[in-house]
């Protein structure tokens, strides 16, 4: 084995950092807060944080959220596209509304036609009758 061969076998020491944001469920946050509140001996909270891989800032933030009653902040937020069921429901609602509006439009058009015929029978002047006379 030559010197150049040994250089080629050395692994690349650079580690590419990949940060991953952790997400905690509301139940987990509340459980950890309860555990931290039940700690009475010195060092128990530190042990809890080390065991769970948390920072004291997590507890601080979660306590503030709990005090303010912001439980929705503790719950995971749904992100991204809507669920297909939600889209299907919205589509059905829009179709139903469209159908109702179409029926109302047909009813209004029928009423207008009846009013026109009635005005012609009674000899009342309408804009349409005036236009027909002028033409």
N, C-alpha and C. Protein backbone atom coordinates (compact mmCIF):
# COMPACT_ATOMS: atom_id res chain seq x y z
N UNK A 1 0.85 -1.16 0.00
CA UNK A 1 0.00 0.00 0.00
C UNK A 1 0.90 1.23 0.00
N UNK A 2 0.63 2.10 -0.94
CA UNK A 2 1.45 3.30 -1.05
C UNK A 2 0.81 4.44 -0.28
N UNK A 3 1.55 5.54 -0.21
CA UNK A 3 1.06 6.72 0.50
C UNK A 3 -0.21 7.27 -0.15
N UNK A 4 -0.25 7.30 -1.47
CA UNK A 4 -1.43 7.81 -2.19
C UNK A 4 -2.65 6.92 -1.98
N UNK A 5 -2.46 5.61 -1.88
CA UNK A 5 -3.57 4.71 -1.62
C UNK A 5 -4.18 4.97 -0.24
N UNK A 6 -3.32 5.23 0.72
CA UNK A 6 -3.83 5.48 2.08
C UNK A 6 -4.59 6.81 2.14
N UNK A 7 -4.19 7.79 1.33
CA UNK A 7 -4.91 9.06 1.30
C UNK A 7 -6.29 8.89 0.68
N UNK A 8 -6.40 8.02 -0.30
CA UNK A 8 -7.69 7.79 -0.95
C UNK A 8 -8.68 7.06 -0.04
N UNK A 9 -8.19 6.33 0.93
CA UNK A 9 -9.06 5.54 1.82
C UNK A 9 -9.53 6.33 3.04
N UNK A 10 -9.06 7.57 3.20
CA UNK A 10 -9.45 8.37 4.36
C UNK A 10 -10.86 8.92 4.11
N UNK A 11 -11.79 8.69 5.05
CA UNK A 11 -13.15 9.20 4.86
C UNK A 11 -13.18 10.72 4.99
N UNK A 12 -14.13 11.32 4.34
CA UNK A 12 -14.30 12.77 4.38
C UNK A 12 -14.76 13.16 5.79
N UNK A 13 -14.01 14.00 6.50
CA UNK A 13 -14.36 14.32 7.89
C UNK A 13 -15.49 15.35 8.01
N UNK A 14 -15.86 16.00 6.90
CA UNK A 14 -16.88 17.03 6.99
C UNK A 14 -18.26 16.40 7.15
N UNK A 15 -18.97 16.89 8.15
CA UNK A 15 -20.32 16.42 8.41
C UNK A 15 -21.28 17.51 7.96
N UNK A 16 -22.20 17.13 7.13
CA UNK A 16 -23.19 18.08 6.63
C UNK A 16 -24.31 18.17 7.65
N UNK A 17 -24.52 19.36 8.23
CA UNK A 17 -25.58 19.47 9.24
C UNK A 17 -26.97 19.45 8.60
N UNK A 18 -27.83 18.68 9.18
CA UNK A 18 -29.21 18.63 8.73
C UNK A 18 -30.10 18.89 9.94
N UNK A 19 -30.56 20.10 10.05
CA UNK A 19 -31.42 20.46 11.18
C UNK A 19 -32.83 19.96 10.91
N UNK A 20 -33.42 19.38 11.95
CA UNK A 20 -34.80 18.91 11.84
C UNK A 20 -35.59 19.55 12.96
N UNK A 21 -36.65 20.21 12.59
CA UNK A 21 -37.51 20.83 13.58
C UNK A 21 -38.36 19.74 14.21
N UNK A 22 -38.31 19.71 15.52
CA UNK A 22 -39.11 18.71 16.22
C UNK A 22 -40.50 19.26 16.49
N UNK A 23 -41.47 18.40 16.40
CA UNK A 23 -42.85 18.77 16.68
C UNK A 23 -43.32 17.93 17.87
N UNK A 24 -43.96 18.60 18.79
CA UNK A 24 -44.43 17.92 19.99
C UNK A 24 -45.94 17.99 20.05
N UNK A 25 -46.56 16.86 20.36
CA UNK A 25 -48.02 16.79 20.47
C UNK A 25 -48.45 17.51 21.75
N UNK A 26 -49.68 17.99 21.74
CA UNK A 26 -50.21 18.72 22.90
C UNK A 26 -50.22 17.84 24.14
N UNK A 27 -50.59 16.59 23.97
CA UNK A 27 -50.61 15.67 25.11
C UNK A 27 -49.23 15.47 25.71
N UNK A 28 -48.24 15.37 24.85
CA UNK A 28 -46.86 15.21 25.32
C UNK A 28 -46.42 16.45 26.10
N UNK A 29 -46.71 17.63 25.55
CA UNK A 29 -46.32 18.87 26.22
C UNK A 29 -46.96 18.96 27.61
N UNK A 30 -48.26 18.66 27.67
CA UNK A 30 -48.95 18.73 28.95
C UNK A 30 -48.42 17.70 29.94
N UNK A 31 -48.08 16.51 29.43
CA UNK A 31 -47.53 15.47 30.31
C UNK A 31 -46.18 15.91 30.89
N UNK A 32 -45.33 16.49 30.05
CA UNK A 32 -44.01 16.95 30.51
C UNK A 32 -44.18 18.08 31.52
N UNK A 33 -45.10 19.00 31.27
CA UNK A 33 -45.34 20.08 32.22
C UNK A 33 -45.82 19.54 33.56
N UNK A 34 -46.71 18.54 33.53
CA UNK A 34 -47.17 17.93 34.77
C UNK A 34 -46.02 17.26 35.52
N UNK A 35 -45.18 16.55 34.77
CA UNK A 35 -44.02 15.90 35.40
C UNK A 35 -43.08 16.93 36.00
N UNK A 36 -42.84 18.01 35.28
CA UNK A 36 -41.93 19.05 35.78
C UNK A 36 -42.52 19.71 37.02
N UNK A 37 -43.83 19.91 37.03
CA UNK A 37 -44.47 20.52 38.19
C UNK A 37 -44.45 19.60 39.40
N UNK A 38 -44.40 18.31 39.18
CA UNK A 38 -44.39 17.37 40.29
C UNK A 38 -42.98 17.13 40.84
N UNK A 39 -41.96 17.67 40.19
CA UNK A 39 -40.58 17.52 40.67
C UNK A 39 -40.39 18.36 41.93
N UNK A 40 -39.88 17.72 43.00
CA UNK A 40 -39.68 18.42 44.27
C UNK A 40 -38.21 18.48 44.68
N UNK A 41 -37.44 17.51 44.28
CA UNK A 41 -36.02 17.43 44.65
C UNK A 41 -35.17 18.24 43.69
N UNK A 42 -34.07 18.81 44.18
CA UNK A 42 -33.15 19.52 43.28
C UNK A 42 -32.57 18.58 42.24
N UNK A 43 -32.54 19.02 41.01
CA UNK A 43 -31.97 18.22 39.93
C UNK A 43 -32.96 17.34 39.20
N UNK A 44 -34.17 17.21 39.71
CA UNK A 44 -35.15 16.34 39.06
C UNK A 44 -35.60 16.92 37.71
N UNK A 45 -35.77 18.23 37.65
CA UNK A 45 -36.19 18.84 36.38
C UNK A 45 -35.08 18.69 35.35
N UNK A 46 -33.83 18.89 35.78
CA UNK A 46 -32.71 18.71 34.86
C UNK A 46 -32.65 17.29 34.34
N UNK A 47 -32.90 16.31 35.22
CA UNK A 47 -32.90 14.91 34.80
C UNK A 47 -34.03 14.65 33.81
N UNK A 48 -35.18 15.24 34.07
CA UNK A 48 -36.32 15.09 33.16
C UNK A 48 -35.98 15.66 31.80
N UNK A 49 -35.40 16.85 31.78
CA UNK A 49 -35.05 17.48 30.51
C UNK A 49 -34.01 16.66 29.74
N UNK A 50 -33.01 16.14 30.44
CA UNK A 50 -31.99 15.31 29.77
C UNK A 50 -32.61 14.02 29.24
N UNK A 51 -33.47 13.41 30.05
CA UNK A 51 -34.10 12.15 29.63
C UNK A 51 -34.93 12.35 28.36
N UNK A 52 -35.63 13.47 28.29
CA UNK A 52 -36.52 13.73 27.16
C UNK A 52 -35.83 14.47 26.01
N UNK A 53 -34.61 14.94 26.24
CA UNK A 53 -33.88 15.66 25.20
C UNK A 53 -34.47 17.04 24.95
N UNK A 54 -34.90 17.70 26.02
CA UNK A 54 -35.52 19.01 25.92
C UNK A 54 -34.64 20.08 26.54
N UNK A 55 -35.01 21.33 26.28
CA UNK A 55 -34.33 22.47 26.88
C UNK A 55 -35.27 23.14 27.86
N UNK A 56 -34.73 23.90 28.78
CA UNK A 56 -35.57 24.59 29.75
C UNK A 56 -36.45 25.63 29.06
N UNK A 57 -36.01 26.12 27.91
CA UNK A 57 -36.83 27.08 27.18
C UNK A 57 -38.13 26.45 26.68
N UNK A 58 -38.09 25.13 26.42
CA UNK A 58 -39.33 24.44 26.04
C UNK A 58 -40.35 24.57 27.16
N UNK A 59 -39.91 24.29 28.39
CA UNK A 59 -40.83 24.37 29.53
C UNK A 59 -41.36 25.79 29.69
N UNK A 60 -40.48 26.76 29.56
CA UNK A 60 -40.90 28.15 29.71
C UNK A 60 -41.97 28.51 28.70
N UNK A 61 -41.71 28.18 27.44
CA UNK A 61 -42.67 28.50 26.37
C UNK A 61 -43.99 27.78 26.59
N UNK A 62 -43.91 26.50 26.90
CA UNK A 62 -45.13 25.71 27.09
C UNK A 62 -45.92 26.21 28.29
N UNK A 63 -45.24 26.63 29.37
CA UNK A 63 -45.95 27.15 30.55
C UNK A 63 -46.68 28.44 30.20
N UNK A 64 -46.02 29.32 29.46
CA UNK A 64 -46.67 30.57 29.04
C UNK A 64 -47.90 30.28 28.21
N UNK A 65 -47.78 29.35 27.29
CA UNK A 65 -48.92 29.00 26.44
C UNK A 65 -50.06 28.45 27.28
N UNK A 66 -49.72 27.62 28.24
CA UNK A 66 -50.74 27.02 29.10
C UNK A 66 -51.41 28.07 29.97
N UNK A 67 -50.63 29.01 30.51
CA UNK A 67 -51.19 30.07 31.34
C UNK A 67 -52.13 30.97 30.55
N UNK A 68 -51.78 31.27 29.33
CA UNK A 68 -52.61 32.13 28.50
C UNK A 68 -53.82 31.38 27.96
N UNK A 69 -53.87 30.09 28.18
CA UNK A 69 -55.00 29.31 27.69
C UNK A 69 -54.93 29.06 26.21
N UNK A 70 -53.75 29.09 25.68
CA UNK A 70 -53.58 28.88 24.24
C UNK A 70 -53.35 27.39 24.00
N UNK A 71 -54.40 26.61 24.16
CA UNK A 71 -54.25 25.18 23.95
C UNK A 71 -54.13 24.84 22.48
N UNK A 72 -54.68 25.71 21.61
CA UNK A 72 -54.51 25.44 20.19
C UNK A 72 -53.05 25.59 19.79
N UNK A 73 -52.28 26.37 20.57
CA UNK A 73 -50.84 26.48 20.29
C UNK A 73 -50.14 25.19 20.68
N UNK A 74 -50.72 24.46 21.63
CA UNK A 74 -50.14 23.18 22.02
C UNK A 74 -50.50 22.07 21.05
N UNK A 75 -51.63 22.23 20.38
CA UNK A 75 -52.07 21.20 19.43
C UNK A 75 -51.31 21.36 18.12
N UNK A 76 -51.05 20.26 17.45
CA UNK A 76 -50.36 20.38 16.16
C UNK A 76 -51.26 21.04 15.14
N UNK A 77 -50.69 21.88 14.34
CA UNK A 77 -51.45 22.60 13.32
C UNK A 77 -51.41 21.82 12.02
N UNK A 78 -52.57 21.72 11.41
CA UNK A 78 -52.66 21.00 10.16
C UNK A 78 -52.20 21.92 9.04
N UNK A 79 -51.24 21.46 8.27
CA UNK A 79 -50.69 22.27 7.20
C UNK A 79 -50.86 21.56 5.87
N UNK A 80 -50.68 22.32 4.80
CA UNK A 80 -50.70 21.71 3.48
C UNK A 80 -52.07 21.77 2.84
N UNK A 81 -52.25 20.94 1.85
CA UNK A 81 -53.50 20.92 1.10
C UNK A 81 -54.63 20.37 1.93
N UNK A 82 -55.83 20.73 1.52
CA UNK A 82 -57.00 20.21 2.21
C UNK A 82 -57.15 18.72 1.94
N UNK A 83 -57.78 18.07 2.86
CA UNK A 83 -58.08 16.66 2.73
C UNK A 83 -59.06 16.47 1.57
N UNK A 84 -59.00 15.35 0.88
CA UNK A 84 -59.91 15.10 -0.24
C UNK A 84 -61.36 15.11 0.22
N UNK A 85 -61.63 14.62 1.44
CA UNK A 85 -62.99 14.63 1.96
C UNK A 85 -63.48 16.06 2.12
N UNK A 86 -62.62 16.95 2.60
CA UNK A 86 -63.00 18.35 2.77
C UNK A 86 -63.27 18.99 1.42
N UNK A 87 -62.43 18.70 0.44
CA UNK A 87 -62.63 19.24 -0.90
C UNK A 87 -63.93 18.72 -1.51
N UNK A 88 -64.21 17.44 -1.30
CA UNK A 88 -65.43 16.84 -1.83
C UNK A 88 -66.66 17.48 -1.19
N UNK A 89 -66.59 17.72 0.11
CA UNK A 89 -67.71 18.36 0.82
C UNK A 89 -67.91 19.78 0.30
N UNK A 90 -66.82 20.52 0.14
CA UNK A 90 -66.93 21.89 -0.37
C UNK A 90 -67.50 21.90 -1.79
N UNK A 91 -67.07 20.95 -2.62
CA UNK A 91 -67.58 20.85 -3.98
C UNK A 91 -69.08 20.56 -3.98
N UNK A 92 -69.52 19.63 -3.13
CA UNK A 92 -70.95 19.31 -3.04
C UNK A 92 -71.76 20.51 -2.55
N UNK A 93 -71.21 21.25 -1.57
CA UNK A 93 -71.89 22.45 -1.09
C UNK A 93 -72.05 23.48 -2.20
N UNK A 94 -70.99 23.68 -2.98
CA UNK A 94 -71.04 24.65 -4.07
C UNK A 94 -72.02 24.21 -5.16
N UNK A 95 -72.05 22.92 -5.44
CA UNK A 95 -73.00 22.41 -6.44
C UNK A 95 -74.44 22.63 -5.98
N UNK A 96 -74.69 22.35 -4.68
CA UNK A 96 -76.03 22.54 -4.13
C UNK A 96 -76.43 24.01 -4.21
N UNK A 97 -75.51 24.90 -3.84
CA UNK A 97 -75.80 26.34 -3.91
C UNK A 97 -76.04 26.78 -5.35
N UNK A 98 -75.26 26.26 -6.29
CA UNK A 98 -75.42 26.59 -7.70
C UNK A 98 -76.81 26.16 -8.19
N UNK A 99 -77.23 24.97 -7.80
CA UNK A 99 -78.54 24.45 -8.21
C UNK A 99 -79.66 25.35 -7.67
N UNK A 100 -79.55 25.76 -6.41
CA UNK A 100 -80.56 26.63 -5.82
C UNK A 100 -80.62 27.98 -6.55
N UNK A 101 -79.44 28.51 -6.88
CA UNK A 101 -79.41 29.79 -7.58
C UNK A 101 -79.98 29.66 -9.00
N UNK A 102 -79.73 28.53 -9.67
CA UNK A 102 -80.30 28.29 -11.00
C UNK A 102 -81.83 28.24 -10.93
N UNK A 103 -82.36 27.58 -9.89
CA UNK A 103 -83.81 27.49 -9.73
C UNK A 103 -84.41 28.86 -9.47
N UNK A 104 -83.75 29.68 -8.66
CA UNK A 104 -84.24 31.03 -8.39
C UNK A 104 -84.20 31.88 -9.65
N UNK A 105 -83.15 31.70 -10.45
CA UNK A 105 -83.05 32.45 -11.71
C UNK A 105 -84.18 32.07 -12.65
N UNK A 106 -84.46 30.77 -12.79
CA UNK A 106 -85.56 30.33 -13.66
C UNK A 106 -86.89 30.89 -13.17
N UNK A 107 -87.08 30.90 -11.85
CA UNK A 107 -88.32 31.43 -11.28
C UNK A 107 -88.44 32.92 -11.58
N UNK A 108 -87.34 33.66 -11.42
CA UNK A 108 -87.36 35.10 -11.70
C UNK A 108 -87.64 35.36 -13.17
N UNK A 109 -87.03 34.58 -14.06
CA UNK A 109 -87.27 34.75 -15.50
C UNK A 109 -88.73 34.46 -15.84
N UNK A 110 -89.32 33.46 -15.22
CA UNK A 110 -90.73 33.13 -15.45
C UNK A 110 -91.63 34.28 -15.01
N UNK A 111 -91.32 34.84 -13.84
CA UNK A 111 -92.11 35.97 -13.33
C UNK A 111 -92.02 37.16 -14.27
N UNK A 112 -90.83 37.44 -14.79
CA UNK A 112 -90.64 38.56 -15.71
C UNK A 112 -91.44 38.33 -17.00
N UNK A 113 -91.43 37.12 -17.51
CA UNK A 113 -92.19 36.80 -18.73
C UNK A 113 -93.68 37.00 -18.50
N UNK A 114 -94.16 36.54 -17.34
CA UNK A 114 -95.59 36.68 -17.03
C UNK A 114 -95.94 38.17 -16.92
N UNK A 115 -95.06 38.95 -16.30
CA UNK A 115 -95.32 40.38 -16.17
C UNK A 115 -95.36 41.06 -17.55
N UNK A 116 -94.49 40.66 -18.45
CA UNK A 116 -94.49 41.23 -19.80
C UNK A 116 -95.80 40.90 -20.51
N UNK A 117 -96.23 39.64 -20.43
CA UNK A 117 -97.47 39.23 -21.11
C UNK A 117 -98.68 39.96 -20.51
N UNK A 118 -98.67 40.11 -19.21
CA UNK A 118 -99.77 40.79 -18.54
C UNK A 118 -99.82 42.26 -18.94
N UNK A 119 -98.67 42.90 -19.03
CA UNK A 119 -98.65 44.31 -19.41
C UNK A 119 -99.11 44.48 -20.86
N UNK A 120 -98.77 43.51 -21.74
CA UNK A 120 -99.24 43.57 -23.13
C UNK A 120 -100.76 43.41 -23.19
N UNK A 121 -101.31 42.47 -22.40
CA UNK A 121 -102.75 42.24 -22.39
C UNK A 121 -103.51 43.45 -21.87
N UNK A 122 -102.93 44.09 -20.85
CA UNK A 122 -103.61 45.24 -20.26
C UNK A 122 -103.30 46.53 -21.00
N UNK A 123 -102.37 46.48 -21.94
CA UNK A 123 -102.04 47.65 -22.73
C UNK A 123 -101.19 48.65 -21.97
N UNK A 124 -100.46 48.19 -20.96
CA UNK A 124 -99.59 49.08 -20.20
C UNK A 124 -98.31 49.30 -20.96
N UNK A 125 -97.77 50.50 -20.83
CA UNK A 125 -96.52 50.84 -21.54
C UNK A 125 -95.33 50.28 -20.78
N UNK A 126 -94.47 49.59 -21.50
CA UNK A 126 -93.21 49.13 -20.94
C UNK A 126 -92.10 49.58 -21.87
N UNK A 127 -90.88 49.50 -21.40
CA UNK A 127 -89.75 49.90 -22.24
C UNK A 127 -89.69 49.05 -23.50
N UNK A 128 -89.98 47.77 -23.37
CA UNK A 128 -89.91 46.87 -24.52
C UNK A 128 -91.01 47.21 -25.54
N UNK A 129 -92.21 47.52 -25.03
CA UNK A 129 -93.32 47.90 -25.93
C UNK A 129 -92.99 49.20 -26.65
N UNK A 130 -92.40 50.17 -25.94
CA UNK A 130 -92.02 51.45 -26.53
C UNK A 130 -90.98 51.25 -27.62
N UNK A 131 -90.02 50.37 -27.38
CA UNK A 131 -88.98 50.09 -28.38
C UNK A 131 -89.59 49.45 -29.62
N UNK A 132 -90.56 48.54 -29.42
CA UNK A 132 -91.19 47.88 -30.56
C UNK A 132 -91.99 48.87 -31.41
N UNK A 133 -92.63 49.87 -30.75
CA UNK A 133 -93.41 50.87 -31.48
C UNK A 133 -92.49 51.79 -32.29
N UNK A 134 -91.34 52.15 -31.71
CA UNK A 134 -90.40 53.04 -32.39
C UNK A 134 -89.71 52.37 -33.56
N UNK A 135 -89.60 51.07 -33.55
CA UNK A 135 -88.85 50.38 -34.60
C UNK A 135 -89.56 50.26 -35.89
